[in-house]
Structure formats: C-alpha cells, structure tokens
Amino acid sequence: TGGSKALTDDECRFVWDLMGQVQDDQTW
C-alpha cells in the first residue's frame, strides 16, 4: 500500500512487484 515514512511509495512498489514474480517452484 505504501504511505510509509520509512520507505517511499516507489521503493515499496519495487519490492512488491518482485514478490509477484517469484519462480513457480517457490510459490508454495
């Protein structure tokens, strides 16, 4: 969701987008 003082919204989005691309055999 972003909105954090610790991380910018772009930083949150960068990490979150990568977490949506985890290779299939690690999506258990």
mmCIF file of all heavy atoms, coordinates in Angstrom:
data_MODEL
# 
_entry.id   MODEL 
# 
loop_
_atom_site.group_PDB 
_atom_site.id 
_atom_site.type_symbol 
_atom_site.label_atom_id 
_atom_site.label_alt_id 
_atom_site.label_comp_id 
_atom_site.label_asym_id 
_atom_site.label_entity_id 
_atom_site.label_seq_id 
_atom_site.pdbx_PDB_ins_code 
_atom_site.Cartn_x 
_atom_site.Cartn_y 
_atom_site.Cartn_z 
_atom_site.occupancy 
_atom_site.B_iso_or_equiv 
_atom_site.pdbx_formal_charge 
_atom_site.auth_seq_id 
_atom_site.auth_comp_id 
_atom_site.auth_asym_id 
_atom_site.auth_atom_id 
_atom_site.pdbx_PDB_model_num 
ATOM 1   N N   . THR A 1 1  ? 0.794  -1.233  0.000   1.00 0.00 ? 1  THR A N   1 
ATOM 2   C CA  . THR A 1 1  ? 0.000  0.000   0.000   1.00 0.00 ? 1  THR A CA  1 
ATOM 3   C C   . THR A 1 1  ? 0.821  1.275   0.000   1.00 0.00 ? 1  THR A C   1 
ATOM 4   O O   . THR A 1 1  ? 0.316  2.340   -0.352  1.00 0.00 ? 1  THR A O   1 
ATOM 5   C CB  . THR A 1 1  ? -0.937 0.028   1.216   1.00 0.00 ? 1  THR A CB  1 
ATOM 6   O OG1 . THR A 1 1  ? -0.152 0.044   2.419   1.00 0.00 ? 1  THR A OG1 1 
ATOM 7   C CG2 . THR A 1 1  ? -1.850 -1.197  1.223   1.00 0.00 ? 1  THR A CG2 1 
ATOM 8   N N   . GLY A 1 2  ? 2.094  1.204   0.417   1.00 0.00 ? 2  GLY A N   1 
ATOM 9   C CA  . GLY A 1 2  ? 2.895  2.417   0.515   1.00 0.00 ? 2  GLY A CA  1 
ATOM 10  C C   . GLY A 1 2  ? 2.427  3.278   1.681   1.00 0.00 ? 2  GLY A C   1 
ATOM 11  O O   . GLY A 1 2  ? 1.867  2.788   2.666   1.00 0.00 ? 2  GLY A O   1 
ATOM 12  N N   . GLY A 1 3  ? 2.655  4.602   1.565   1.00 0.00 ? 3  GLY A N   1 
ATOM 13  C CA  . GLY A 1 3  ? 2.228  5.504   2.618   1.00 0.00 ? 3  GLY A CA  1 
ATOM 14  C C   . GLY A 1 3  ? 3.070  5.432   3.870   1.00 0.00 ? 3  GLY A C   1 
ATOM 15  O O   . GLY A 1 3  ? 2.635  5.839   4.948   1.00 0.00 ? 3  GLY A O   1 
ATOM 16  N N   . SER A 1 4  ? 4.304  4.914   3.751   1.00 0.00 ? 4  SER A N   1 
ATOM 17  C CA  . SER A 1 4  ? 5.178  4.743   4.907   1.00 0.00 ? 4  SER A CA  1 
ATOM 18  C C   . SER A 1 4  ? 6.220  5.855   4.966   1.00 0.00 ? 4  SER A C   1 
ATOM 19  O O   . SER A 1 4  ? 6.717  6.311   3.940   1.00 0.00 ? 4  SER A O   1 
ATOM 20  C CB  . SER A 1 4  ? 5.878  3.386   4.812   1.00 0.00 ? 4  SER A CB  1 
ATOM 21  O OG  . SER A 1 4  ? 6.934  3.290   5.756   1.00 0.00 ? 4  SER A OG  1 
ATOM 22  N N   . LYS A 1 5  ? 6.570  6.283   6.174   1.00 0.00 ? 5  LYS A N   1 
ATOM 23  C CA  . LYS A 1 5  ? 7.655  7.240   6.337   1.00 0.00 ? 5  LYS A CA  1 
ATOM 24  C C   . LYS A 1 5  ? 9.012  6.562   6.189   1.00 0.00 ? 5  LYS A C   1 
ATOM 25  O O   . LYS A 1 5  ? 10.014 7.222   5.916   1.00 0.00 ? 5  LYS A O   1 
ATOM 26  C CB  . LYS A 1 5  ? 7.556  7.915   7.707   1.00 0.00 ? 5  LYS A CB  1 
ATOM 27  C CG  . LYS A 1 5  ? 6.336  8.807   7.869   1.00 0.00 ? 5  LYS A CG  1 
ATOM 28  C CD  . LYS A 1 5  ? 6.308  9.463   9.238   1.00 0.00 ? 5  LYS A CD  1 
ATOM 29  C CE  . LYS A 1 5  ? 5.084  10.357  9.388   1.00 0.00 ? 5  LYS A CE  1 
ATOM 30  N NZ  . LYS A 1 5  ? 5.030  11.002  10.736  1.00 0.00 ? 5  LYS A NZ  1 
ATOM 31  N N   . ALA A 1 6  ? 9.043  5.239   6.375   1.00 0.00 ? 6  ALA A N   1 
ATOM 32  C CA  . ALA A 1 6  ? 10.312 4.505   6.305   1.00 0.00 ? 6  ALA A CA  1 
ATOM 33  C C   . ALA A 1 6  ? 10.741 4.234   4.871   1.00 0.00 ? 6  ALA A C   1 
ATOM 34  O O   . ALA A 1 6  ? 11.940 4.176   4.582   1.00 0.00 ? 6  ALA A O   1 
ATOM 35  C CB  . ALA A 1 6  ? 10.186 3.194   7.072   1.00 0.00 ? 6  ALA A CB  1 
ATOM 36  N N   . LEU A 1 7  ? 9.771  4.046   3.971   1.00 0.00 ? 7  LEU A N   1 
ATOM 37  C CA  . LEU A 1 7  ? 10.049 3.714   2.576   1.00 0.00 ? 7  LEU A CA  1 
ATOM 38  C C   . LEU A 1 7  ? 9.182  4.590   1.677   1.00 0.00 ? 7  LEU A C   1 
ATOM 39  O O   . LEU A 1 7  ? 8.018  4.855   2.004   1.00 0.00 ? 7  LEU A O   1 
ATOM 40  C CB  . LEU A 1 7  ? 9.736  2.241   2.291   1.00 0.00 ? 7  LEU A CB  1 
ATOM 41  C CG  . LEU A 1 7  ? 10.551 1.195   3.057   1.00 0.00 ? 7  LEU A CG  1 
ATOM 42  C CD1 . LEU A 1 7  ? 9.895  -0.178  2.922   1.00 0.00 ? 7  LEU A CD1 1 
ATOM 43  C CD2 . LEU A 1 7  ? 11.983 1.159   2.554   1.00 0.00 ? 7  LEU A CD2 1 
ATOM 44  N N   . THR A 1 8  ? 9.715  5.008   0.553   1.00 0.00 ? 8  THR A N   1 
ATOM 45  C CA  . THR A 1 8  ? 8.897  5.755   -0.397  1.00 0.00 ? 8  THR A CA  1 
ATOM 46  C C   . THR A 1 8  ? 7.920  4.801   -1.082  1.00 0.00 ? 8  THR A C   1 
ATOM 47  O O   . THR A 1 8  ? 8.113  3.579   -1.083  1.00 0.00 ? 8  THR A O   1 
ATOM 48  C CB  . THR A 1 8  ? 9.766  6.438   -1.457  1.00 0.00 ? 8  THR A CB  1 
ATOM 49  O OG1 . THR A 1 8  ? 10.344 5.433   -2.307  1.00 0.00 ? 8  THR A OG1 1 
ATOM 50  C CG2 . THR A 1 8  ? 10.879 7.269   -0.827  1.00 0.00 ? 8  THR A CG2 1 
ATOM 51  N N   . ASP A 1 9  ? 6.905  5.350   -1.695  1.00 0.00 ? 9  ASP A N   1 
ATOM 52  C CA  . ASP A 1 9  ? 5.947  4.514   -2.414  1.00 0.00 ? 9  ASP A CA  1 
ATOM 53  C C   . ASP A 1 9  ? 6.626  3.764   -3.554  1.00 0.00 ? 9  ASP A C   1 
ATOM 54  O O   . ASP A 1 9  ? 6.296  2.601   -3.829  1.00 0.00 ? 9  ASP A O   1 
ATOM 55  C CB  . ASP A 1 9  ? 4.796  5.368   -2.960  1.00 0.00 ? 9  ASP A CB  1 
ATOM 56  C CG  . ASP A 1 9  ? 3.851  5.847   -1.860  1.00 0.00 ? 9  ASP A CG  1 
ATOM 57  O OD1 . ASP A 1 9  ? 4.047  5.449   -0.686  1.00 0.00 ? 9  ASP A OD1 1 
ATOM 58  O OD2 . ASP A 1 9  ? 2.928  6.616   -2.174  1.00 0.00 ? 9  ASP A OD2 1 
ATOM 59  N N   . ASP A 1 10 ? 7.567  4.409   -4.236  1.00 0.00 ? 10 ASP A N   1 
ATOM 60  C CA  . ASP A 1 10 ? 8.286  3.741   -5.319  1.00 0.00 ? 10 ASP A CA  1 
ATOM 61  C C   . ASP A 1 10 ? 9.123  2.577   -4.795  1.00 0.00 ? 10 ASP A C   1 
ATOM 62  O O   . ASP A 1 10 ? 9.217  1.528   -5.454  1.00 0.00 ? 10 ASP A O   1 
ATOM 63  C CB  . ASP A 1 10 ? 9.188  4.729   -6.060  1.00 0.00 ? 10 ASP A CB  1 
ATOM 64  C CG  . ASP A 1 10 ? 8.414  5.644   -6.996  1.00 0.00 ? 10 ASP A CG  1 
ATOM 65  O OD1 . ASP A 1 10 ? 7.240  5.336   -7.291  1.00 0.00 ? 10 ASP A OD1 1 
ATOM 66  O OD2 . ASP A 1 10 ? 8.979  6.667   -7.420  1.00 0.00 ? 10 ASP A OD2 1 
ATOM 67  N N   . GLU A 1 11 ? 9.726  2.742   -3.637  1.00 0.00 ? 11 GLU A N   1 
ATOM 68  C CA  . GLU A 1 11 ? 10.515 1.659   -3.037  1.00 0.00 ? 11 GLU A CA  1 
ATOM 69  C C   . GLU A 1 11 ? 9.616  0.487   -2.664  1.00 0.00 ? 11 GLU A C   1 
ATOM 70  O O   . GLU A 1 11 ? 9.961  -0.677  -2.918  1.00 0.00 ? 11 GLU A O   1 
ATOM 71  C CB  . GLU A 1 11 ? 11.275 2.187   -1.825  1.00 0.00 ? 11 GLU A CB  1 
ATOM 72  C CG  . GLU A 1 11 ? 12.418 3.109   -2.202  1.00 0.00 ? 11 GLU A CG  1 
ATOM 73  C CD  . GLU A 1 11 ? 12.973 3.899   -1.028  1.00 0.00 ? 11 GLU A CD  1 
ATOM 74  O OE1 . GLU A 1 11 ? 12.362 3.885   0.072   1.00 0.00 ? 11 GLU A OE1 1 
ATOM 75  O OE2 . GLU A 1 11 ? 14.023 4.560   -1.211  1.00 0.00 ? 11 GLU A OE2 1 
ATOM 76  N N   . CYS A 1 12 ? 8.474  0.796   -2.066  1.00 0.00 ? 12 CYS A N   1 
ATOM 77  C CA  . CYS A 1 12 ? 7.522  -0.272  -1.730  1.00 0.00 ? 12 CYS A CA  1 
ATOM 78  C C   . CYS A 1 12 ? 7.083  -1.004  -2.990  1.00 0.00 ? 12 CYS A C   1 
ATOM 79  O O   . CYS A 1 12 ? 7.048  -2.244  -3.017  1.00 0.00 ? 12 CYS A O   1 
ATOM 80  C CB  . CYS A 1 12 ? 6.301  0.316   -1.027  1.00 0.00 ? 12 CYS A CB  1 
ATOM 81  S SG  . CYS A 1 12 ? 6.606  0.914   0.648   1.00 0.00 ? 12 CYS A SG  1 
ATOM 82  N N   . ARG A 1 13 ? 6.761  -0.255  -4.022  1.00 0.00 ? 13 ARG A N   1 
ATOM 83  C CA  . ARG A 1 13 ? 6.281  -0.851  -5.273  1.00 0.00 ? 13 ARG A CA  1 
ATOM 84  C C   . ARG A 1 13 ? 7.348  -1.739  -5.906  1.00 0.00 ? 13 ARG A C   1 
ATOM 85  O O   . ARG A 1 13 ? 7.041  -2.810  -6.441  1.00 0.00 ? 13 ARG A O   1 
ATOM 86  C CB  . ARG A 1 13 ? 5.863  0.263   -6.230  1.00 0.00 ? 13 ARG A CB  1 
ATOM 87  C CG  . ARG A 1 13 ? 5.102  -0.231  -7.467  1.00 0.00 ? 13 ARG A CG  1 
ATOM 88  C CD  . ARG A 1 13 ? 4.634  0.938   -8.316  1.00 0.00 ? 13 ARG A CD  1 
ATOM 89  N NE  . ARG A 1 13 ? 3.784  1.848   -7.557  1.00 0.00 ? 13 ARG A NE  1 
ATOM 90  C CZ  . ARG A 1 13 ? 4.131  3.077   -7.187  1.00 0.00 ? 13 ARG A CZ  1 
ATOM 91  N NH1 . ARG A 1 13 ? 5.313  3.566   -7.516  1.00 0.00 ? 13 ARG A NH1 1 
ATOM 92  N NH2 . ARG A 1 13 ? 3.289  3.823   -6.498  1.00 0.00 ? 13 ARG A NH2 1 
ATOM 93  N N   . PHE A 1 14 ? 8.608  -1.311  -5.849  1.00 0.00 ? 14 PHE A N   1 
ATOM 94  C CA  . PHE A 1 14 ? 9.707  -2.084  -6.421  1.00 0.00 ? 14 PHE A CA  1 
ATOM 95  C C   . PHE A 1 14 ? 9.806  -3.461  -5.760  1.00 0.00 ? 14 PHE A C   1 
ATOM 96  O O   . PHE A 1 14 ? 9.881  -4.493  -6.435  1.00 0.00 ? 14 PHE A O   1 
ATOM 97  C CB  . PHE A 1 14 ? 11.021 -1.312  -6.236  1.00 0.00 ? 14 PHE A CB  1 
ATOM 98  C CG  . PHE A 1 14 ? 12.242 -2.025  -6.759  1.00 0.00 ? 14 PHE A CG  1 
ATOM 99  C CD1 . PHE A 1 14 ? 12.572 -1.974  -8.102  1.00 0.00 ? 14 PHE A CD1 1 
ATOM 100 C CD2 . PHE A 1 14 ? 13.072 -2.726  -5.895  1.00 0.00 ? 14 PHE A CD2 1 
ATOM 101 C CE1 . PHE A 1 14 ? 13.703 -2.621  -8.586  1.00 0.00 ? 14 PHE A CE1 1 
ATOM 102 C CE2 . PHE A 1 14 ? 14.207 -3.385  -6.362  1.00 0.00 ? 14 PHE A CE2 1 
ATOM 103 C CZ  . PHE A 1 14 ? 14.516 -3.330  -7.715  1.00 0.00 ? 14 PHE A CZ  1 
ATOM 104 N N   . VAL A 1 15 ? 9.776  -3.479  -4.427  1.00 0.00 ? 15 VAL A N   1 
ATOM 105 C CA  . VAL A 1 15 ? 9.878  -4.758  -3.705  1.00 0.00 ? 15 VAL A CA  1 
ATOM 106 C C   . VAL A 1 15 ? 8.629  -5.606  -3.944  1.00 0.00 ? 15 VAL A C   1 
ATOM 107 O O   . VAL A 1 15 ? 8.728  -6.820  -4.206  1.00 0.00 ? 15 VAL A O   1 
ATOM 108 C CB  . VAL A 1 15 ? 10.077 -4.513  -2.196  1.00 0.00 ? 15 VAL A CB  1 
ATOM 109 C CG1 . VAL A 1 15 ? 10.188 -5.852  -1.455  1.00 0.00 ? 15 VAL A CG1 1 
ATOM 110 C CG2 . VAL A 1 15 ? 11.322 -3.667  -1.934  1.00 0.00 ? 15 VAL A CG2 1 
ATOM 111 N N   . TRP A 1 16 ? 7.468  -4.983  -3.881  1.00 0.00 ? 16 TRP A N   1 
ATOM 112 C CA  . TRP A 1 16 ? 6.206  -5.719  -4.025  1.00 0.00 ? 16 TRP A CA  1 
ATOM 113 C C   . TRP A 1 16 ? 6.089  -6.354  -5.408  1.00 0.00 ? 16 TRP A C   1 
ATOM 114 O O   . TRP A 1 16 ? 5.640  -7.500  -5.543  1.00 0.00 ? 16 TRP A O   1 
ATOM 115 C CB  . TRP A 1 16 ? 5.042  -4.798  -3.748  1.00 0.00 ? 16 TRP A CB  1 
ATOM 116 C CG  . TRP A 1 16 ? 3.722  -5.478  -3.566  1.00 0.00 ? 16 TRP A CG  1 
ATOM 117 C CD1 . TRP A 1 16 ? 2.613  -5.371  -4.344  1.00 0.00 ? 16 TRP A CD1 1 
ATOM 118 C CD2 . TRP A 1 16 ? 3.364  -6.384  -2.503  1.00 0.00 ? 16 TRP A CD2 1 
ATOM 119 N NE1 . TRP A 1 16 ? 1.586  -6.134  -3.839  1.00 0.00 ? 16 TRP A NE1 1 
ATOM 120 C CE2 . TRP A 1 16 ? 2.015  -6.768  -2.712  1.00 0.00 ? 16 TRP A CE2 1 
ATOM 121 C CE3 . TRP A 1 16 ? 4.055  -6.885  -1.404  1.00 0.00 ? 16 TRP A CE3 1 
ATOM 122 C CZ2 . TRP A 1 16 ? 1.351  -7.643  -1.862  1.00 0.00 ? 16 TRP A CZ2 1 
ATOM 123 C CZ3 . TRP A 1 16 ? 3.392  -7.761  -0.550  1.00 0.00 ? 16 TRP A CZ3 1 
ATOM 124 C CH2 . TRP A 1 16 ? 2.060  -8.138  -0.788  1.00 0.00 ? 16 TRP A CH2 1 
ATOM 125 N N   . ASP A 1 17 ? 6.485  -5.614  -6.428  1.00 0.00 ? 17 ASP A N   1 
ATOM 126 C CA  . ASP A 1 17 ? 6.425  -6.160  -7.785  1.00 0.00 ? 17 ASP A CA  1 
ATOM 127 C C   . ASP A 1 17 ? 7.311  -7.398  -7.908  1.00 0.00 ? 17 ASP A C   1 
ATOM 128 O O   . ASP A 1 17 ? 6.912  -8.388  -8.549  1.00 0.00 ? 17 ASP A O   1 
ATOM 129 C CB  . ASP A 1 17 ? 6.859  -5.104  -8.805  1.00 0.00 ? 17 ASP A CB  1 
ATOM 130 C CG  . ASP A 1 17 ? 5.795  -4.032  -9.034  1.00 0.00 ? 17 ASP A CG  1 
ATOM 131 O OD1 . ASP A 1 17 ? 4.662  -4.218  -8.565  1.00 0.00 ? 17 ASP A OD1 1 
ATOM 132 O OD2 . ASP A 1 17 ? 6.121  -3.004  -9.668  1.00 0.00 ? 17 ASP A OD2 1 
ATOM 133 N N   . LEU A 1 18 ? 8.488  -7.367  -7.311  1.00 0.00 ? 18 LEU A N   1 
ATOM 134 C CA  . LEU A 1 18 ? 9.368  -8.541  -7.357  1.00 0.00 ? 18 LEU A CA  1 
ATOM 135 C C   . LEU A 1 18 ? 8.728  -9.728  -6.633  1.00 0.00 ? 18 LEU A C   1 
ATOM 136 O O   . LEU A 1 18 ? 8.853  -10.873 -7.076  1.00 0.00 ? 18 LEU A O   1 
ATOM 137 C CB  . LEU A 1 18 ? 10.724 -8.220  -6.727  1.00 0.00 ? 18 LEU A CB  1 
ATOM 138 C CG  . LEU A 1 18 ? 11.619 -7.260  -7.515  1.00 0.00 ? 18 LEU A CG  1 
ATOM 139 C CD1 . LEU A 1 18 ? 12.891 -6.960  -6.722  1.00 0.00 ? 18 LEU A CD1 1 
ATOM 140 C CD2 . LEU A 1 18 ? 11.977 -7.829  -8.887  1.00 0.00 ? 18 LEU A CD2 1 
ATOM 141 N N   . MET A 1 19 ? 8.033  -9.473  -5.552  1.00 0.00 ? 19 MET A N   1 
ATOM 142 C CA  . MET A 1 19 ? 7.374  -10.552 -4.810  1.00 0.00 ? 19 MET A CA  1 
ATOM 143 C C   . MET A 1 19 ? 6.232  -11.181 -5.607  1.00 0.00 ? 19 MET A C   1 
ATOM 144 O O   . MET A 1 19 ? 5.777  -12.281 -5.278  1.00 0.00 ? 19 MET A O   1 
ATOM 145 C CB  . MET A 1 19 ? 6.880  -10.042 -3.465  1.00 0.00 ? 19 MET A CB  1 
ATOM 146 C CG  . MET A 1 19 ? 8.008  -9.717  -2.492  1.00 0.00 ? 19 MET A CG  1 
ATOM 147 S SD  . MET A 1 19 ? 7.447  -8.881  -0.980  1.00 0.00 ? 19 MET A SD  1 
ATOM 148 C CE  . MET A 1 19 ? 6.383  -10.132 -0.262  1.00 0.00 ? 19 MET A CE  1 
ATOM 149 N N   . GLY A 1 20 ? 5.780  -10.496 -6.642  1.00 0.00 ? 20 GLY A N   1 
ATOM 150 C CA  . GLY A 1 20 ? 4.775  -11.063 -7.531  1.00 0.00 ? 20 GLY A CA  1 
ATOM 151 C C   . GLY A 1 20 ? 5.364  -11.846 -8.677  1.00 0.00 ? 20 GLY A C   1 
ATOM 152 O O   . GLY A 1 20 ? 4.629  -12.366 -9.529  1.00 0.00 ? 20 GLY A O   1 
ATOM 153 N N   . GLN A 1 21 ? 6.700  -11.952 -8.727  1.00 0.00 ? 21 GLN A N   1 
ATOM 154 C CA  . GLN A 1 21 ? 7.388  -12.640 -9.813  1.00 0.00 ? 21 GLN A CA  1 
ATOM 155 C C   . GLN A 1 21 ? 8.212  -13.835 -9.323  1.00 0.00 ? 21 GLN A C   1 
ATOM 156 O O   . GLN A 1 21 ? 9.098  -14.317 -10.028 1.00 0.00 ? 21 GLN A O   1 
ATOM 157 C CB  . GLN A 1 21 ? 8.321  -11.647 -10.530 1.00 0.00 ? 21 GLN A CB  1 
ATOM 158 C CG  . GLN A 1 21 ? 7.609  -10.448 -11.123 1.00 0.00 ? 21 GLN A CG  1 
ATOM 159 C CD  . GLN A 1 21 ? 8.572  -9.413  -11.647 1.00 0.00 ? 21 GLN A CD  1 
ATOM 160 O OE1 . GLN A 1 21 ? 9.577  -9.724  -12.283 1.00 0.00 ? 21 GLN A OE1 1 
ATOM 161 N NE2 . GLN A 1 21 ? 8.289  -8.145  -11.370 1.00 0.00 ? 21 GLN A NE2 1 
ATOM 162 N N   . VAL A 1 22 ? 7.938  -14.324 -8.130  1.00 0.00 ? 22 VAL A N   1 
ATOM 163 C CA  . VAL A 1 22 ? 8.677  -15.459 -7.578  1.00 0.00 ? 22 VAL A CA  1 
ATOM 164 C C   . VAL A 1 22 ? 8.514  -16.685 -8.471  1.00 0.00 ? 22 VAL A C   1 
ATOM 165 O O   . VAL A 1 22 ? 7.402  -16.982 -8.927  1.00 0.00 ? 22 VAL A O   1 
ATOM 166 C CB  . VAL A 1 22 ? 8.199  -15.758 -6.143  1.00 0.00 ? 22 VAL A CB  1 
ATOM 167 C CG1 . VAL A 1 22 ? 8.793  -17.072 -5.620  1.00 0.00 ? 22 VAL A CG1 1 
ATOM 168 C CG2 . VAL A 1 22 ? 8.566  -14.601 -5.213  1.00 0.00 ? 22 VAL A CG2 1 
ATOM 169 N N   . GLN A 1 23 ? 9.612  -17.387 -8.721  1.00 0.00 ? 23 GLN A N   1 
ATOM 170 C CA  . GLN A 1 23 ? 9.555  -18.533 -9.627  1.00 0.00 ? 23 GLN A CA  1 
ATOM 171 C C   . GLN A 1 23 ? 8.593  -19.591 -9.087  1.00 0.00 ? 23 GLN A C   1 
ATOM 172 O O   . GLN A 1 23 ? 8.405  -19.752 -7.886  1.00 0.00 ? 23 GLN A O   1 
ATOM 173 C CB  . GLN A 1 23 ? 10.948 -19.122 -9.837  1.00 0.00 ? 23 GLN A CB  1 
ATOM 174 C CG  . GLN A 1 23 ? 11.603 -19.708 -8.610  1.00 0.00 ? 23 GLN A CG  1 
ATOM 175 C CD  . GLN A 1 23 ? 13.042 -20.119 -8.901  1.00 0.00 ? 23 GLN A CD  1 
ATOM 176 O OE1 . GLN A 1 23 ? 13.839 -19.354 -9.401  1.00 0.00 ? 23 GLN A OE1 1 
ATOM 177 N NE2 . GLN A 1 23 ? 13.362 -21.371 -8.563  1.00 0.00 ? 23 GLN A NE2 1 
ATOM 178 N N   . ASP A 1 24 ? 7.987  -20.323 -10.012 1.00 0.00 ? 24 ASP A N   1 
ATOM 179 C CA  . ASP A 1 24 ? 6.843  -21.167 -9.694  1.00 0.00 ? 24 ASP A CA  1 
ATOM 180 C C   . ASP A 1 24 ? 7.113  -22.190 -8.597  1.00 0.00 ? 24 ASP A C   1 
ATOM 181 O O   . ASP A 1 24 ? 6.243  -22.479 -7.776  1.00 0.00 ? 24 ASP A O   1 
ATOM 182 C CB  . ASP A 1 24 ? 6.354  -21.891 -10.954 1.00 0.00 ? 24 ASP A CB  1 
ATOM 183 C CG  . ASP A 1 24 ? 5.621  -20.962 -11.908 1.00 0.00 ? 24 ASP A CG  1 
ATOM 184 O OD1 . ASP A 1 24 ? 5.257  -19.843 -11.481 1.00 0.00 ? 24 ASP A OD1 1 
ATOM 185 O OD2 . ASP A 1 24 ? 5.436  -21.333 -13.075 1.00 0.00 ? 24 ASP A OD2 1 
ATOM 186 N N   . ASP A 1 25 ? 8.318  -22.788 -8.574  1.00 0.00 ? 25 ASP A N   1 
ATOM 187 C CA  . ASP A 1 25 ? 8.554  -23.840 -7.583  1.00 0.00 ? 25 ASP A CA  1 
ATOM 188 C C   . ASP A 1 25 ? 8.792  -23.281 -6.186  1.00 0.00 ? 25 ASP A C   1 
ATOM 189 O O   . ASP A 1 25 ? 9.000  -24.045 -5.242  1.00 0.00 ? 25 ASP A O   1 
ATOM 190 C CB  . ASP A 1 25 ? 9.705  -24.760 -8.008  1.00 0.00 ? 25 ASP A CB  1 
ATOM 191 C CG  . ASP A 1 25 ? 11.063 -24.074 -7.975  1.00 0.00 ? 25 ASP A CG  1 
ATOM 192 O OD1 . ASP A 1 25 ? 11.110 -22.831 -7.963  1.00 0.00 ? 25 ASP A OD1 1 
ATOM 193 O OD2 . ASP A 1 25 ? 12.084 -24.796 -7.987  1.00 0.00 ? 25 ASP A OD2 1 
ATOM 194 N N   . GLN A 1 26 ? 8.731  -21.943 -6.035  1.00 0.00 ? 26 GLN A N   1 
ATOM 195 C CA  . GLN A 1 26 ? 8.851  -21.334 -4.711  1.00 0.00 ? 26 GLN A CA  1 
ATOM 196 C C   . GLN A 1 26 ? 7.572  -20.599 -4.306  1.00 0.00 ? 26 GLN A C   1 
ATOM 197 O O   . GLN A 1 26 ? 7.590  -19.761 -3.423  1.00 0.00 ? 26 GLN A O   1 
ATOM 198 C CB  . GLN A 1 26 ? 10.050 -20.382 -4.680  1.00 0.00 ? 26 GLN A CB  1 
ATOM 199 C CG  . GLN A 1 26 ? 11.382 -21.098 -4.795  1.00 0.00 ? 26 GLN A CG  1 
ATOM 200 C CD  . GLN A 1 26 ? 12.576 -20.152 -4.737  1.00 0.00 ? 26 GLN A CD  1 
ATOM 201 O OE1 . GLN A 1 26 ? 12.467 -19.013 -4.287  1.00 0.00 ? 26 GLN A OE1 1 
ATOM 202 N NE2 . GLN A 1 26 ? 13.725 -20.618 -5.183  1.00 0.00 ? 26 GLN A NE2 1 
ATOM 203 N N   . THR A 1 27 ? 6.466  -20.953 -4.938  1.00 0.00 ? 27 THR A N   1 
ATOM 204 C CA  . THR A 1 27 ? 5.197  -20.293 -4.594  1.00 0.00 ? 27 THR A CA  1 
ATOM 205 C C   . THR A 1 27 ? 4.304  -21.186 -3.738  1.00 0.00 ? 27 THR A C   1 
ATOM 206 O O   . THR A 1 27 ? 3.083  -21.077 -3.766  1.00 0.00 ? 27 THR A O   1 
ATOM 207 C CB  . THR A 1 27 ? 4.438  -19.849 -5.861  1.00 0.00 ? 27 THR A CB  1 
ATOM 208 O OG1 . THR A 1 27 ? 4.204  -20.968 -6.702  1.00 0.00 ? 27 THR A OG1 1 
ATOM 209 C CG2 . THR A 1 27 ? 5.214  -18.789 -6.619  1.00 0.00 ? 27 THR A CG2 1 
ATOM 210 N N   . TRP A 1 28 ? 4.924  -22.085 -2.972  1.00 0.00 ? 28 TRP A N   1 
ATOM 211 C CA  . TRP A 1 28 ? 4.144  -22.858 -2.015  1.00 0.00 ? 28 TRP A CA  1 
ATOM 212 C C   . TRP A 1 28 ? 3.809  -21.963 -0.809  1.00 0.00 ? 28 TRP A C   1 
ATOM 213 O O   . TRP A 1 28 ? 4.122  -20.791 -0.775  1.00 0.00 ? 28 TRP A O   1 
ATOM 214 C CB  . TRP A 1 28 ? 4.914  -24.113 -1.583  1.00 0.00 ? 28 TRP A CB  1 
ATOM 215 C CG  . TRP A 1 28 ? 6.386  -23.920 -1.365  1.00 0.00 ? 28 TRP A CG  1 
ATOM 216 C CD1 . TRP A 1 28 ? 7.389  -24.099 -2.274  1.00 0.00 ? 28 TRP A CD1 1 
ATOM 217 C CD2 . TRP A 1 28 ? 7.034  -23.494 -0.157  1.00 0.00 ? 28 TRP A CD2 1 
ATOM 218 N NE1 . TRP A 1 28 ? 8.616  -23.813 -1.719  1.00 0.00 ? 28 TRP A NE1 1 
ATOM 219 C CE2 . TRP A 1 28 ? 8.429  -23.450 -0.413  1.00 0.00 ? 28 TRP A CE2 1 
ATOM 220 C CE3 . TRP A 1 28 ? 6.592  -23.160 1.115   1.00 0.00 ? 28 TRP A CE3 1 
ATOM 221 C CZ2 . TRP A 1 28 ? 9.375  -23.077 0.554   1.00 0.00 ? 28 TRP A CZ2 1 
ATOM 222 C CZ3 . TRP A 1 28 ? 7.524  -22.785 2.099   1.00 0.00 ? 28 TRP A CZ3 1 
ATOM 223 C CH2 . TRP A 1 28 ? 8.880  -22.748 1.810   1.00 0.00 ? 28 TRP A CH2 1 
# 
